[in-house]
């Protein structure tokens, strides 16, 4: 899931070298922390958060296969 978020975020931003994703796991959940440059925050979040919600939906769909829950935060 970490790789999925990283690929999607790098495709959206201008400064792809400043995209970092950290992942922490428990038995039933995964927490992802997406960090991008401050100039790219708007591109990752999108109007009214639509792009961020789309990324979260894709990651949650991938997590269903493993029977896990996913929580994703976006920081600059």
PDB file of N, CA and C in Angstrom:
ATOM      1  N   UNK A   1       0.810  -1.183   0.000  1.00  0.00           N
ATOM      2  CA  UNK A   1       0.000   0.000   0.000  1.00  0.00           C
ATOM      3  C   UNK A   1       0.859   1.254   0.000  1.00  0.00           C
ATOM      4  N   UNK A   2       1.971   1.186   0.672  1.00  0.00           N
ATOM      5  CA  UNK A   2       2.894   2.315   0.695  1.00  0.00           C
ATOM      6  C   UNK A   2       3.339   2.672  -0.717  1.00  0.00           C
ATOM      7  N   UNK A   3       3.651   1.665  -1.514  1.00  0.00           N
ATOM      8  CA  UNK A   3       4.116   1.897  -2.877  1.00  0.00           C
ATOM      9  C   UNK A   3       3.011   2.511  -3.730  1.00  0.00           C
ATOM     10  N   UNK A   4       1.778   2.084  -3.516  1.00  0.00           N
ATOM     11  CA  UNK A   4       0.650   2.618  -4.268  1.00  0.00           C
ATOM     12  C   UNK A   4       0.483   4.109  -4.013  1.00  0.00           C
ATOM     13  N   UNK A   5       0.517   4.515  -2.761  1.00  0.00           N
ATOM     14  CA  UNK A   5       0.378   5.929  -2.415  1.00  0.00           C
ATOM     15  C   UNK A   5       1.541   6.730  -2.984  1.00  0.00           C
ATOM     16  N   UNK A   6       2.743   6.174  -2.905  1.00  0.00           N
ATOM     17  CA  UNK A   6       3.923   6.871  -3.404  1.00  0.00           C
ATOM     18  C   UNK A   6       3.844   7.083  -4.923  1.00  0.00           C
ATOM     19  N   UNK A   7       3.426   6.074  -5.658  1.00  0.00           N
ATOM     20  CA  UNK A   7       3.302   6.185  -7.116  1.00  0.00           C
ATOM     21  C   UNK A   7       2.246   7.221  -7.490  1.00  0.00           C
ATOM     22  N   UNK A   8       1.093   7.175  -6.825  1.00  0.00           N
ATOM     23  CA  UNK A   8       0.026   8.129  -7.120  1.00  0.00           C
ATOM     24  C   UNK A   8       0.443   9.557  -6.804  1.00  0.00           C
ATOM     25  N   UNK A   9       1.083   9.762  -5.657  1.00  0.00           N
ATOM     26  CA  UNK A   9       1.478  11.110  -5.260  1.00  0.00           C
ATOM     27  C   UNK A   9       2.556  11.670  -6.180  1.00  0.00           C
ATOM     28  N   UNK A  10       3.526  10.852  -6.551  1.00  0.00           N
ATOM     29  CA  UNK A  10       4.587  11.332  -7.434  1.00  0.00           C
ATOM     30  C   UNK A  10       4.055  11.703  -8.809  1.00  0.00           C
ATOM     31  N   UNK A  11       2.986  11.053  -9.247  1.00  0.00           N
ATOM     32  CA  UNK A  11       2.395  11.389 -10.537  1.00  0.00           C
ATOM     33  C   UNK A  11       1.654  12.728 -10.484  1.00  0.00           C
ATOM     34  N   UNK A  12       1.245  13.165  -9.309  1.00  0.00           N
ATOM     35  CA  UNK A  12       0.460  14.387  -9.179  1.00  0.00           C
ATOM     36  C   UNK A  12       1.294  15.640  -8.950  1.00  0.00           C
ATOM     37  N   UNK A  13       2.437  15.507  -8.303  1.00  0.00           N
ATOM     38  CA  UNK A  13       3.182  16.681  -7.837  1.00  0.00           C
ATOM     39  C   UNK A  13       4.271  17.116  -8.821  1.00  0.00           C
ATOM     40  N   UNK A  14       4.768  18.337  -8.597  1.00  0.00           N
ATOM     41  CA  UNK A  14       5.881  18.856  -9.386  1.00  0.00           C
ATOM     42  C   UNK A  14       7.227  18.442  -8.797  1.00  0.00           C
ATOM     43  N   UNK A  15       7.300  18.360  -7.478  1.00  0.00           N
ATOM     44  CA  UNK A  15       8.548  18.023  -6.782  1.00  0.00           C
ATOM     45  C   UNK A  15       8.469  16.579  -6.287  1.00  0.00           C
ATOM     46  N   UNK A  16       8.627  15.638  -7.199  1.00  0.00           N
ATOM     47  CA  UNK A  16       8.461  14.228  -6.832  1.00  0.00           C
ATOM     48  C   UNK A  16       9.576  13.723  -5.916  1.00  0.00           C
ATOM     49  N   UNK A  17      10.701  14.434  -5.884  1.00  0.00           N
ATOM     50  CA  UNK A  17      11.789  14.019  -4.997  1.00  0.00           C
ATOM     51  C   UNK A  17      11.484  14.341  -3.533  1.00  0.00           C
ATOM     52  N   UNK A  18      10.448  15.136  -3.284  1.00  0.00           N
ATOM     53  CA  UNK A  18      10.075  15.498  -1.913  1.00  0.00           C
ATOM     54  C   UNK A  18       8.838  14.749  -1.432  1.00  0.00           C
ATOM     55  N   UNK A  19       8.490  13.659  -2.092  1.00  0.00           N
ATOM     56  CA  UNK A  19       7.357  12.829  -1.677  1.00  0.00           C
ATOM     57  C   UNK A  19       7.893  11.689  -0.815  1.00  0.00           C
ATOM     58  N   UNK A  20       7.371  11.593   0.399  1.00  0.00           N
ATOM     59  CA  UNK A  20       7.774  10.535   1.323  1.00  0.00           C
ATOM     60  C   UNK A  20       6.524   9.895   1.914  1.00  0.00           C
ATOM     61  N   UNK A  21       6.539   8.583   2.010  1.00  0.00           N
ATOM     62  CA  UNK A  21       5.426   7.849   2.610  1.00  0.00           C
ATOM     63  C   UNK A  21       5.997   6.947   3.689  1.00  0.00           C
ATOM     64  N   UNK A  22       5.460   7.074   4.895  1.00  0.00           N
ATOM     65  CA  UNK A  22       5.851   6.187   5.984  1.00  0.00           C
ATOM     66  C   UNK A  22       4.646   5.329   6.343  1.00  0.00           C
ATOM     67  N   UNK A  23       4.924   4.107   6.745  1.00  0.00           N
ATOM     68  CA  UNK A  23       3.862   3.145   7.028  1.00  0.00           C
ATOM     69  C   UNK A  23       4.114   2.499   8.374  1.00  0.00           C
ATOM     70  N   UNK A  24       3.079   2.469   9.205  1.00  0.00           N
ATOM     71  CA  UNK A  24       3.134   1.716  10.457  1.00  0.00           C
ATOM     72  C   UNK A  24       1.943   0.770  10.476  1.00  0.00           C
ATOM     73  N   UNK A  25       2.174  -0.430  10.973  1.00  0.00           N
ATOM     74  CA  UNK A  25       1.162  -1.482  10.890  1.00  0.00           C
ATOM     75  C   UNK A  25       0.884  -2.110  12.246  1.00  0.00           C
ATOM     76  N   UNK A  26      -0.359  -2.561  12.389  1.00  0.00           N
ATOM     77  CA  UNK A  26      -0.733  -3.462  13.467  1.00  0.00           C
ATOM     78  C   UNK A  26      -1.386  -4.671  12.794  1.00  0.00           C
ATOM     79  N   UNK A  27      -1.939  -5.569  13.578  1.00  0.00           N
ATOM     80  CA  UNK A  27      -2.541  -6.769  12.990  1.00  0.00           C
ATOM     81  C   UNK A  27      -3.705  -6.456  12.061  1.00  0.00           C
ATOM     82  N   UNK A  28      -4.522  -5.466  12.430  1.00  0.00           N
ATOM     83  CA  UNK A  28      -5.728  -5.206  11.659  1.00  0.00           C
ATOM     84  C   UNK A  28      -5.774  -3.841  11.002  1.00  0.00           C
ATOM     85  N   UNK A  29      -4.736  -3.030  11.157  1.00  0.00           N
ATOM     86  CA  UNK A  29      -4.790  -1.698  10.568  1.00  0.00           C
ATOM     87  C   UNK A  29      -3.419  -1.256  10.062  1.00  0.00           C
ATOM     88  N   UNK A  30      -3.469  -0.302   9.142  1.00  0.00           N
ATOM     89  CA  UNK A  30      -2.263   0.290   8.564  1.00  0.00           C
ATOM     90  C   UNK A  30      -2.436   1.799   8.609  1.00  0.00           C
ATOM     91  N   UNK A  31      -1.398   2.494   9.061  1.00  0.00           N
ATOM     92  CA  UNK A  31      -1.416   3.959   9.091  1.00  0.00           C
ATOM     93  C   UNK A  31      -0.356   4.456   8.114  1.00  0.00           C
ATOM     94  N   UNK A  32      -0.784   5.270   7.151  1.00  0.00           N
ATOM     95  CA  UNK A  32       0.127   5.833   6.155  1.00  0.00           C
ATOM     96  C   UNK A  32       0.242   7.333   6.361  1.00  0.00           C
ATOM     97  N   UNK A  33       1.453   7.832   6.278  1.00  0.00           N
ATOM     98  CA  UNK A  33       1.735   9.259   6.421  1.00  0.00           C
ATOM     99  C   UNK A  33       2.365   9.734   5.127  1.00  0.00           C
ATOM    100  N   UNK A  34       1.656  10.554   4.354  1.00  0.00           N
ATOM    101  CA  UNK A  34       2.147  11.095   3.090  1.00  0.00           C
ATOM    102  C   UNK A  34       2.654  12.503   3.331  1.00  0.00           C
ATOM    103  N   UNK A  35       3.918  12.744   2.976  1.00  0.00           N
ATOM    104  CA  UNK A  35       4.525  14.060   3.133  1.00  0.00           C
ATOM    105  C   UNK A  35       4.941  14.569   1.760  1.00  0.00           C
ATOM    106  N   UNK A  36       4.486  15.787   1.425  1.00  0.00           N
ATOM    107  CA  UNK A  36       4.831  16.409   0.149  1.00  0.00           C
ATOM    108  C   UNK A  36       5.318  17.828   0.407  1.00  0.00           C
ATOM    109  N   UNK A  37       5.896  18.453  -0.631  1.00  0.00           N
ATOM    110  CA  UNK A  37       6.338  19.845  -0.527  1.00  0.00           C
ATOM    111  C   UNK A  37       5.122  20.748  -0.339  1.00  0.00           C
ATOM    112  N   UNK A  38       5.329  21.878   0.321  1.00  0.00           N
ATOM    113  CA  UNK A  38       4.208  22.781   0.597  1.00  0.00           C
ATOM    114  C   UNK A  38       3.589  23.322  -0.690  1.00  0.00           C
ATOM    115  N   UNK A  39       4.379  23.459  -1.745  1.00  0.00           N
ATOM    116  CA  UNK A  39       3.847  23.926  -3.030  1.00  0.00           C
ATOM    117  C   UNK A  39       2.901  22.905  -3.657  1.00  0.00           C
ATOM    118  N   UNK A  40       3.065  21.646  -3.317  1.00  0.00           N
ATOM    119  CA  UNK A  40       2.293  20.569  -3.939  1.00  0.00           C
ATOM    120  C   UNK A  40       1.082  20.121  -3.123  1.00  0.00           C
ATOM    121  N   UNK A  41       0.840  20.720  -1.975  1.00  0.00           N
ATOM    122  CA  UNK A  41      -0.279  20.291  -1.127  1.00  0.00           C
ATOM    123  C   UNK A  41      -1.614  20.402  -1.856  1.00  0.00           C
ATOM    124  N   UNK A  42      -1.818  21.487  -2.566  1.00  0.00           N
ATOM    125  CA  UNK A  42      -3.073  21.678  -3.276  1.00  0.00           C
ATOM    126  C   UNK A  42      -3.297  20.647  -4.359  1.00  0.00           C
ATOM    127  N   UNK A  43      -2.222  20.210  -4.989  1.00  0.00           N
ATOM    128  CA  UNK A  43      -2.341  19.220  -6.053  1.00  0.00           C
ATOM    129  C   UNK A  43      -2.701  17.849  -5.498  1.00  0.00           C
ATOM    130  N   UNK A  44      -2.215  17.537  -4.318  1.00  0.00           N
ATOM    131  CA  UNK A  44      -2.501  16.238  -3.708  1.00  0.00           C
ATOM    132  C   UNK A  44      -3.889  16.233  -3.069  1.00  0.00           C
ATOM    133  N   UNK A  45      -4.297  17.353  -2.509  1.00  0.00           N
ATOM    134  CA  UNK A  45      -5.605  17.415  -1.857  1.00  0.00           C
ATOM    135  C   UNK A  45      -6.712  17.634  -2.881  1.00  0.00           C
ATOM    136  N   UNK A  46      -6.514  18.537  -3.826  1.00  0.00           N
ATOM    137  CA  UNK A  46      -7.523  18.792  -4.854  1.00  0.00           C
ATOM    138  C   UNK A  46      -8.642  19.684  -4.349  1.00  0.00           C
ATOM    139  N   UNK A  47      -9.525  20.056  -5.258  1.00  0.00           N
ATOM    140  CA  UNK A  47     -10.658  20.903  -4.883  1.00  0.00           C
ATOM    141  C   UNK A  47     -11.600  20.125  -3.981  1.00  0.00           C
ATOM    142  N   UNK A  48     -11.888  20.715  -2.840  1.00  0.00           N
ATOM    143  CA  UNK A  48     -12.764  20.132  -1.829  1.00  0.00           C
ATOM    144  C   UNK A  48     -12.315  18.746  -1.385  1.00  0.00           C
ATOM    145  N   UNK A  49     -11.013  18.461  -1.528  1.00  0.00           N
ATOM    146  CA  UNK A  49     -10.446  17.200  -1.065  1.00  0.00           C
ATOM    147  C   UNK A  49     -10.760  16.001  -1.937  1.00  0.00           C
ATOM    148  N   UNK A  50     -11.160  16.229  -3.170  1.00  0.00           N
ATOM    149  CA  UNK A  50     -11.581  15.121  -4.023  1.00  0.00           C
ATOM    150  C   UNK A  50     -10.433  14.198  -4.404  1.00  0.00           C
ATOM    151  N   UNK A  51      -9.255  14.736  -4.671  1.00  0.00           N
ATOM    152  CA  UNK A  51      -8.119  13.884  -5.040  1.00  0.00           C
ATOM    153  C   UNK A  51      -7.651  13.083  -3.830  1.00  0.00           C
ATOM    154  N   UNK A  52      -7.585  13.731  -2.670  1.00  0.00           N
ATOM    155  CA  UNK A  52      -7.190  13.022  -1.449  1.00  0.00           C
ATOM    156  C   UNK A  52      -8.170  11.900  -1.132  1.00  0.00           C
ATOM    157  N   UNK A  53      -9.448  12.156  -1.295  1.00  0.00           N
ATOM    158  CA  UNK A  53     -10.447  11.115  -1.052  1.00  0.00           C
ATOM    159  C   UNK A  53     -10.330   9.980  -2.061  1.00  0.00           C
ATOM    160  N   UNK A  54      -9.995  10.308  -3.304  1.00  0.00           N
ATOM    161  CA  UNK A  54      -9.825   9.264  -4.314  1.00  0.00           C
ATOM    162  C   UNK A  54      -8.626   8.377  -3.979  1.00  0.00           C
ATOM    163  N   UNK A  55      -7.536   8.984  -3.527  1.00  0.00           N
ATOM    164  CA  UNK A  55      -6.357   8.202  -3.126  1.00  0.00           C
ATOM    165  C   UNK A  55      -6.715   7.304  -1.945  1.00  0.00           C
ATOM    166  N   UNK A  56      -7.423   7.851  -0.969  1.00  0.00           N
ATOM    167  CA  UNK A  56      -7.832   7.054   0.189  1.00  0.00           C
ATOM    168  C   UNK A  56      -8.730   5.890  -0.226  1.00  0.00           C
ATOM    169  N   UNK A  57      -9.626   6.126  -1.170  1.00  0.00           N
ATOM    170  CA  UNK A  57     -10.514   5.062  -1.643  1.00  0.00           C
ATOM    171  C   UNK A  57      -9.727   3.940  -2.301  1.00  0.00           C
ATOM    172  N   UNK A  58      -8.749   4.286  -3.134  1.00  0.00           N
ATOM    173  CA  UNK A  58      -7.924   3.268  -3.784  1.00  0.00           C
ATOM    174  C   UNK A  58      -7.136   2.449  -2.764  1.00  0.00           C
ATOM    175  N   UNK A  59      -6.589   3.123  -1.767  1.00  0.00           N
ATOM    176  CA  UNK A  59      -5.799   2.423  -0.751  1.00  0.00           C
ATOM    177  C   UNK A  59      -6.694   1.523   0.095  1.00  0.00           C
ATOM    178  N   UNK A  60      -7.879   2.000   0.419  1.00  0.00           N
ATOM    179  CA  UNK A  60      -8.802   1.173   1.197  1.00  0.00           C
ATOM    180  C   UNK A  60      -9.238  -0.055   0.405  1.00  0.00           C
ATOM    181  N   UNK A  61      -9.431   0.107  -0.897  1.00  0.00           N
ATOM    182  CA  UNK A  61      -9.799  -1.036  -1.734  1.00  0.00           C
ATOM    183  C   UNK A  61      -8.681  -2.060  -1.771  1.00  0.00           C
ATOM    184  N   UNK A  62      -7.432  -1.595  -1.806  1.00  0.00           N
ATOM    185  CA  UNK A  62      -6.298  -2.517  -1.783  1.00  0.00           C
ATOM    186  C   UNK A  62      -6.185  -3.213  -0.424  1.00  0.00           C
ATOM    187  N   UNK A  63      -6.570  -2.530   0.641  1.00  0.00           N
ATOM    188  CA  UNK A  63      -6.469  -3.110   1.982  1.00  0.00           C
ATOM    189  C   UNK A  63      -7.534  -4.167   2.247  1.00  0.00           C
ATOM    190  N   UNK A  64      -8.633  -4.116   1.535  1.00  0.00           N
ATOM    191  CA  UNK A  64      -9.708  -5.088   1.741  1.00  0.00           C
ATOM    192  C   UNK A  64      -9.215  -6.501   1.466  1.00  0.00           C
ATOM    193  N   UNK A  65      -8.315  -6.641   0.505  1.00  0.00           N
ATOM    194  CA  UNK A  65      -7.765  -7.963   0.194  1.00  0.00           C
ATOM    195  C   UNK A  65      -7.061  -8.584   1.397  1.00  0.00           C
ATOM    196  N   UNK A  66      -6.419  -7.732   2.206  1.00  0.00           N
ATOM    197  CA  UNK A  66      -5.703  -8.215   3.382  1.00  0.00           C
ATOM    198  C   UNK A  66      -6.580  -8.259   4.624  1.00  0.00           C
ATOM    199  N   UNK A  67      -7.800  -7.758   4.517  1.00  0.00           N
ATOM    200  CA  UNK A  67      -8.681  -7.718   5.681  1.00  0.00           C
ATOM    201  C   UNK A  67      -8.244  -6.696   6.702  1.00  0.00           C
ATOM    202  N   UNK A  68      -7.700  -5.582   6.242  1.00  0.00           N
ATOM    203  CA  UNK A  68      -7.201  -4.541   7.139  1.00  0.00           C
ATOM    204  C   UNK A  68      -7.924  -3.229   6.905  1.00  0.00           C
ATOM    205  N   UNK A  69      -7.794  -2.335   7.857  1.00  0.00           N
ATOM    206  CA  UNK A  69      -8.288  -0.970   7.738  1.00  0.00           C
ATOM    207  C   UNK A  69      -7.088  -0.061   7.488  1.00  0.00           C
ATOM    208  N   UNK A  70      -7.329   1.016   6.744  1.00  0.00           N
ATOM    209  CA  UNK A  70      -6.254   1.935   6.409  1.00  0.00           C
ATOM    210  C   UNK A  70      -6.641   3.346   6.820  1.00  0.00           C
ATOM    211  N   UNK A  71      -5.691   4.052   7.394  1.00  0.00           N
ATOM    212  CA  UNK A  71      -5.852   5.460   7.727  1.00  0.00           C
ATOM    213  C   UNK A  71      -4.690   6.214   7.083  1.00  0.00           C
ATOM    214  N   UNK A  72      -4.975   7.290   6.351  1.00  0.00           N
ATOM    215  CA  UNK A  72      -3.925   8.030   5.660  1.00  0.00           C
ATOM    216  C   UNK A  72      -3.992   9.509   6.014  1.00  0.00           C
ATOM    217  N   UNK A  73      -2.850  10.066   6.383  1.00  0.00           N
ATOM    218  CA  UNK A  73      -2.710  11.496   6.661  1.00  0.00           C
ATOM    219  C   UNK A  73      -1.820  12.123   5.612  1.00  0.00           C
ATOM    220  N   UNK A  74      -2.066  13.403   5.316  1.00  0.00           N
ATOM    221  CA  UNK A  74      -1.255  14.141   4.360  1.00  0.00           C
ATOM    222  C   UNK A  74      -0.667  15.347   5.077  1.00  0.00           C
ATOM    223  N   UNK A  75       0.664  15.476   5.019  1.00  0.00           N
ATOM    224  CA  UNK A  75       1.373  16.583   5.657  1.00  0.00           C
ATOM    225  C   UNK A  75       2.280  17.264   4.659  1.00  0.00           C
ATOM    226  N   UNK A  76       2.761  18.441   5.059  1.00  0.00           N
ATOM    227  CA  UNK A  76       3.743  19.134   4.239  1.00  0.00           C
ATOM    228  C   UNK A  76       5.062  19.223   4.959  1.00  0.00           C
TER     229      UNK A  76
END
